[in-house]
Amino acid sequence: MHLPKEKILFKSPFRKELETLLHFAEKALSERTAKWSPFVSAQLIEEVKNKFNNLNDINLLFEGGFPSAERKRICFLRSEEDINSPSIDIPIKGIYIKGNFLFDRAKQNDFRDFLHELDAPADEIGDIWLIRDRGAQAICSKKCADSLNKKDGKLREVEISIQKLGLSEMEIPFNRPEKVINTVEASTRIDAIASAGFGLSRSKITTQIKKGSLRLNWVLNNQPSKSVNIGDLIHLDKKGSLKILNIDKTKKERWRIKLLRQ
């Protein structure tokens, strides 16, 4: 079995990353066993789904520890193998990064930087989320969880300790049920669309944009006036995502927009 490399890589903005993932796919085919990639970004996951969608020789399983995870590991296995087979070991664990952040609030990236300072490879760490003012929890590889377990240190002036967790022990982020939203707006500006989709005022959305809390197609967006298009994905921290399903112009020169809130 051979994968159509050049077809997969053709005009992809992730050519280098796809070449690495193709190596895992080819090993899965030649060795007849499941092969897991490191954690990859949401953008790369979408590209992999598009490029591997019509291949008959290989199956893909995406696992990030919980359904709405952004960063996930990809399991490559031969098409005749069952992706739900209990024999497929999912090499993912959790960690609790404990600390008292009541008077010194930290963000996800602060905890990610802290883990990197402890020599945790970036591609072995999945999603990170805050646990109120008590620190954060994170998904990571089993190897990474084992190496970080019981380590301690400081994030700024806050004492931190790390505890390895099973997935069933974690406070998994709330998974909002999907909902289709129809709205009519004067423009296709991202602040207007996000306001309608997330149920927040334009001023609050603008504040979130300026704080760096909103991403368009997983890329940080700091322009409230940025126009959106069909297929775009808007992500707002702690609020979930909006996918633009359709955009039509009305007779009164306004925009009828169909959103999927996730």
Protein backbone atom coordinates (compact mmCIF):
# COMPACT_ATOMS: atom_id res chain seq x y z
CA MET A 1 0.00 0.00 0.00
CA HIS A 2 1.27 3.47 -0.90
CA LEU A 3 -0.13 6.86 -0.01
CA PRO A 4 -0.34 9.59 -2.69
CA LYS A 5 2.25 11.88 -1.08
CA GLU A 6 2.34 14.61 -3.69
CA LYS A 7 -1.45 14.81 -3.83
CA ILE A 8 -1.60 15.16 -0.03
CA LEU A 9 1.14 17.80 0.05
CA PHE A 10 -0.06 19.75 -3.01
CA LYS A 11 -0.59 23.46 -2.23
CA SER A 12 -0.80 22.80 1.51
CA PRO A 13 0.35 25.59 3.86
CA PHE A 14 1.34 22.78 6.26
CA ARG A 15 3.62 20.87 3.89
CA LYS A 16 6.40 20.29 6.44
CA GLU A 17 3.96 19.14 9.14
CA LEU A 18 2.11 16.85 6.72
CA GLU A 19 5.39 15.23 5.67
CA THR A 20 6.00 14.33 9.33
CA LEU A 21 2.50 12.91 9.73
CA LEU A 22 2.84 10.93 6.49
CA HIS A 23 5.77 9.15 8.12
CA PHE A 24 3.46 7.92 10.91
CA ALA A 25 0.83 6.89 8.36
CA GLU A 26 3.31 4.90 6.28
CA LYS A 27 4.67 3.12 9.36
CA ALA A 28 1.12 2.18 10.35
CA LEU A 29 0.63 0.64 6.90
CA SER A 30 3.96 -1.17 6.70
CA GLU A 31 4.05 -2.43 10.30
CA ARG A 32 0.32 -3.21 10.49
CA THR A 33 -0.02 -1.49 13.85
CA ALA A 34 -1.53 1.75 15.17
CA LYS A 35 0.85 4.73 15.19
CA TRP A 36 0.20 7.88 17.22
CA SER A 37 1.40 11.35 16.26
CA PRO A 38 2.41 14.01 18.80
CA PHE A 39 -0.24 16.60 19.72
CA VAL A 40 -1.05 18.84 16.76
CA SER A 41 -2.96 22.10 16.40
CA ALA A 42 -6.60 22.49 15.44
CA GLN A 43 -5.57 24.09 12.13
CA LEU A 44 -3.42 21.09 11.22
CA ILE A 45 -6.17 18.66 12.25
CA GLU A 46 -8.57 20.32 9.78
CA GLU A 47 -5.93 20.10 7.04
CA VAL A 48 -5.35 16.40 7.77
CA LYS A 49 -9.08 15.69 7.63
CA ASN A 50 -9.29 17.41 4.24
CA LYS A 51 -6.21 15.75 2.75
CA PHE A 52 -6.81 12.21 4.06
CA ASN A 53 -10.59 12.26 3.64
CA ASN A 54 -10.83 10.13 0.49
CA LEU A 55 -8.01 7.65 1.13
CA ASN A 56 -9.12 4.02 1.26
CA ASP A 57 -6.02 2.45 2.79
CA ILE A 58 -5.90 4.21 6.14
CA ASN A 59 -8.15 5.20 9.03
CA LEU A 60 -7.67 8.13 11.38
CA LEU A 61 -8.60 8.56 15.04
CA PHE A 62 -8.32 11.99 16.68
CA GLU A 63 -7.95 12.06 20.46
CA GLY A 64 -7.39 15.05 22.73
CA GLY A 65 -8.73 13.75 26.03
CA PHE A 66 -12.25 15.19 25.67
CA PRO A 67 -14.59 15.86 22.71
CA SER A 68 -14.07 19.62 22.34
CA ALA A 69 -10.26 19.57 22.78
CA GLU A 70 -8.38 21.76 20.30
CA ARG A 71 -5.01 20.03 20.34
CA LYS A 72 -5.16 16.31 19.59
CA ARG A 73 -3.04 13.29 18.80
CA ILE A 74 -3.77 11.44 15.57
CA CYS A 75 -3.81 7.64 15.41
CA PHE A 76 -3.03 6.19 11.99
CA LEU A 77 -4.08 2.59 11.30
CA ARG A 78 -4.84 0.38 8.34
CA SER A 79 -8.35 0.69 6.93
CA GLU A 80 -9.31 -2.89 7.81
CA GLU A 81 -8.65 -2.22 11.51
CA ASP A 82 -11.46 -1.04 13.78
CA ILE A 83 -10.76 2.46 15.12
CA ASN A 84 -12.91 1.65 18.16
CA SER A 85 -11.02 -1.53 18.98
CA PRO A 86 -10.30 -1.90 22.73
CA SER A 87 -6.81 -3.10 21.77
CA ILE A 88 -5.89 0.44 20.66
CA ASP A 89 -4.15 2.03 23.64
CA ILE A 90 -4.75 5.81 23.79
CA PRO A 91 -1.43 7.27 25.06
CA ILE A 92 -2.91 10.26 26.88
CA LYS A 93 -2.96 11.24 30.56
CA GLY A 94 -3.77 14.34 32.59
CA ILE A 95 -1.90 16.52 35.05
CA TYR A 96 -3.02 18.99 37.71
CA ILE A 97 -0.75 22.04 38.04
CA LYS A 98 -1.72 23.13 41.56
CA GLY A 99 -1.17 26.57 43.02
CA ASN A 100 -3.00 29.40 44.78
CA PHE A 101 -3.64 32.05 42.14
CA LEU A 102 -6.30 33.99 44.05
CA PHE A 103 -4.14 37.14 44.12
CA ASP A 104 -1.95 36.47 41.09
CA ARG A 105 -4.10 35.30 38.19
CA ALA A 106 -2.43 33.33 35.40
CA LYS A 107 -3.50 32.38 31.87
CA GLN A 108 -3.23 29.13 29.91
CA ASN A 109 -0.07 30.27 28.13
CA ASP A 110 1.59 31.04 31.48
CA PHE A 111 1.12 27.41 32.49
CA ARG A 112 2.26 26.17 29.08
CA ASP A 113 5.46 28.25 29.40
CA PHE A 114 5.97 26.85 32.91
CA LEU A 115 5.76 23.27 31.59
CA HIS A 116 8.23 24.09 28.83
CA GLU A 117 10.65 25.39 31.49
CA LEU A 118 10.39 21.93 33.06
CA ASP A 119 11.56 20.49 29.71
CA ALA A 120 8.13 19.20 28.68
CA PRO A 121 8.20 19.08 24.84
CA ALA A 122 5.58 21.33 23.21
CA ASP A 123 4.22 18.49 21.07
CA GLU A 124 3.60 16.30 24.13
CA ILE A 125 1.19 18.81 25.68
CA GLY A 126 -2.44 19.07 24.62
CA ASP A 127 -5.08 21.48 25.92
CA ILE A 128 -4.63 23.45 29.15
CA TRP A 129 -7.51 25.02 31.08
CA LEU A 130 -7.83 26.97 34.33
CA ILE A 131 -9.29 25.46 37.51
CA ARG A 132 -10.73 28.64 39.02
CA ASP A 133 -7.97 30.21 41.17
CA ARG A 134 -6.37 26.85 42.04
CA GLY A 135 -4.11 26.47 39.02
CA ALA A 136 -4.75 24.52 35.82
CA GLN A 137 -5.19 21.05 34.39
CA ALA A 138 -3.68 19.80 31.15
CA ILE A 139 -3.78 16.87 28.77
CA CYS A 140 -0.42 15.41 27.82
CA SER A 141 1.26 12.23 26.65
CA LYS A 142 1.66 9.38 29.15
CA LYS A 143 5.43 9.81 29.01
CA CYS A 144 5.14 13.53 29.73
CA ALA A 145 2.71 12.98 32.62
CA ASP A 146 5.07 10.45 34.20
CA SER A 147 8.06 12.78 33.92
CA LEU A 148 6.18 15.78 35.37
CA ASN A 149 4.45 13.92 38.22
CA LYS A 150 5.39 15.30 41.68
CA LYS A 151 7.59 18.04 40.24
CA ASP A 152 7.29 21.50 41.76
CA GLY A 153 8.43 25.04 41.07
CA LYS A 154 7.25 28.64 40.85
CA LEU A 155 5.11 30.47 38.34
CA ARG A 156 6.01 34.05 39.08
CA GLU A 157 5.75 34.06 42.92
CA VAL A 158 3.22 31.23 43.26
CA GLU A 159 4.40 27.83 44.50
CA ILE A 160 3.29 25.06 42.14
CA SER A 161 3.17 21.27 42.39
CA ILE A 162 2.20 18.82 39.64
CA GLN A 163 0.09 15.70 40.10
CA LYS A 164 -0.56 13.05 37.45
CA LEU A 165 -4.27 12.27 36.88
CA GLY A 166 -6.35 9.76 35.00
CA LEU A 167 -8.79 11.31 32.53
CA SER A 168 -11.74 10.27 34.72
CA GLU A 169 -10.28 12.29 37.62
CA MET A 170 -10.08 15.56 35.70
CA GLU A 171 -12.45 18.53 35.66
CA ILE A 172 -13.03 18.39 31.92
CA PRO A 173 -14.17 21.74 30.38
CA PHE A 174 -17.90 22.00 29.80
CA ASN A 175 -18.90 20.78 26.35
CA ARG A 176 -21.67 23.05 25.08
CA PRO A 177 -24.30 21.32 22.89
CA GLU A 178 -24.32 22.51 19.29
CA LYS A 179 -26.94 25.07 18.29
CA VAL A 180 -27.83 26.64 14.93
CA ILE A 181 -28.29 30.43 15.14
CA ASN A 182 -29.80 32.66 12.44
CA THR A 183 -29.16 36.38 12.57
CA VAL A 184 -29.47 39.43 10.30
CA GLU A 185 -26.69 42.00 10.55
CA ALA A 186 -25.76 45.27 8.89
CA SER A 187 -22.31 43.91 8.02
CA THR A 188 -20.18 40.78 8.16
CA ARG A 189 -17.78 42.30 10.71
CA ILE A 190 -16.45 39.78 13.18
CA ASP A 191 -17.50 41.84 16.21
CA ALA A 192 -21.12 41.91 14.98
CA ILE A 193 -21.20 38.18 14.17
CA ALA A 194 -19.54 37.20 17.44
CA SER A 195 -21.92 39.43 19.38
CA ALA A 196 -24.95 37.70 17.85
CA GLY A 197 -23.51 34.20 18.14
CA PHE A 198 -22.20 34.38 21.69
CA GLY A 199 -25.00 36.58 23.04
CA LEU A 200 -22.68 39.35 24.21
CA SER A 201 -22.77 43.08 23.51
CA ARG A 202 -20.56 44.51 20.76
CA SER A 203 -18.58 46.44 23.37
CA LYS A 204 -17.85 43.25 25.35
CA ILE A 205 -16.77 41.44 22.19
CA THR A 206 -14.49 44.36 21.29
CA THR A 207 -12.97 44.21 24.78
CA GLN A 208 -12.33 40.47 24.38
CA ILE A 209 -10.72 41.07 20.98
CA LYS A 210 -8.40 43.70 22.45
CA LYS A 211 -7.51 41.29 25.29
CA GLY A 212 -6.45 38.65 22.75
CA SER A 213 -9.26 36.25 23.60
CA LEU A 214 -10.76 35.83 20.12
CA ARG A 215 -9.35 33.80 17.25
CA LEU A 216 -10.43 33.51 13.63
CA ASN A 217 -9.66 30.13 12.07
CA TRP A 218 -7.47 29.49 15.15
CA VAL A 219 -5.34 32.58 14.47
CA LEU A 220 -5.39 35.46 16.96
CA ASN A 221 -7.55 38.30 15.63
CA ASN A 222 -7.20 41.86 16.95
CA GLN A 223 -9.38 43.60 14.35
CA PRO A 224 -13.06 44.09 15.37
CA SER A 225 -13.81 45.21 11.77
CA LYS A 226 -12.44 42.03 10.16
CA SER A 227 -14.99 40.51 7.74
CA VAL A 228 -15.86 36.82 7.95
CA ASN A 229 -16.69 34.35 5.19
CA ILE A 230 -18.58 31.07 4.84
CA GLY A 231 -16.63 28.28 6.51
CA ASP A 232 -14.76 30.56 8.93
CA LEU A 233 -14.47 29.50 12.57
CA ILE A 234 -14.57 32.06 15.37
CA HIS A 235 -13.31 30.93 18.78
CA LEU A 236 -13.80 32.95 21.99
CA ASP A 237 -12.06 31.83 25.17
CA LYS A 238 -14.46 30.20 27.66
CA LYS A 239 -17.40 30.67 25.27
CA GLY A 240 -16.74 28.07 22.57
CA SER A 241 -16.79 28.42 18.80
CA LEU A 242 -18.97 29.70 15.96
CA LYS A 243 -18.82 28.26 12.47
CA ILE A 244 -20.16 30.39 9.61
CA LEU A 245 -22.52 28.07 7.71
CA ASN A 246 -24.03 30.54 5.25
CA ILE A 247 -24.13 34.23 4.34
CA ASP A 248 -26.85 35.77 2.12
CA LYS A 249 -27.65 39.36 1.24
CA THR A 250 -31.23 40.47 1.92
CA LYS A 251 -33.35 42.75 -0.25
CA LYS A 252 -32.70 45.55 2.22
CA GLU A 253 -28.92 45.24 1.72
CA ARG A 254 -28.34 43.53 5.06
CA TRP A 255 -26.71 40.17 5.74
CA ARG A 256 -28.58 37.02 6.73
CA ILE A 257 -26.08 34.77 8.50
CA LYS A 258 -26.41 31.16 9.64
CA LEU A 259 -24.10 30.10 12.48
CA LEU A 260 -23.32 26.85 14.24
CA ARG A 261 -22.45 27.43 17.87
CA GLN A 262 -20.22 24.70 19.28
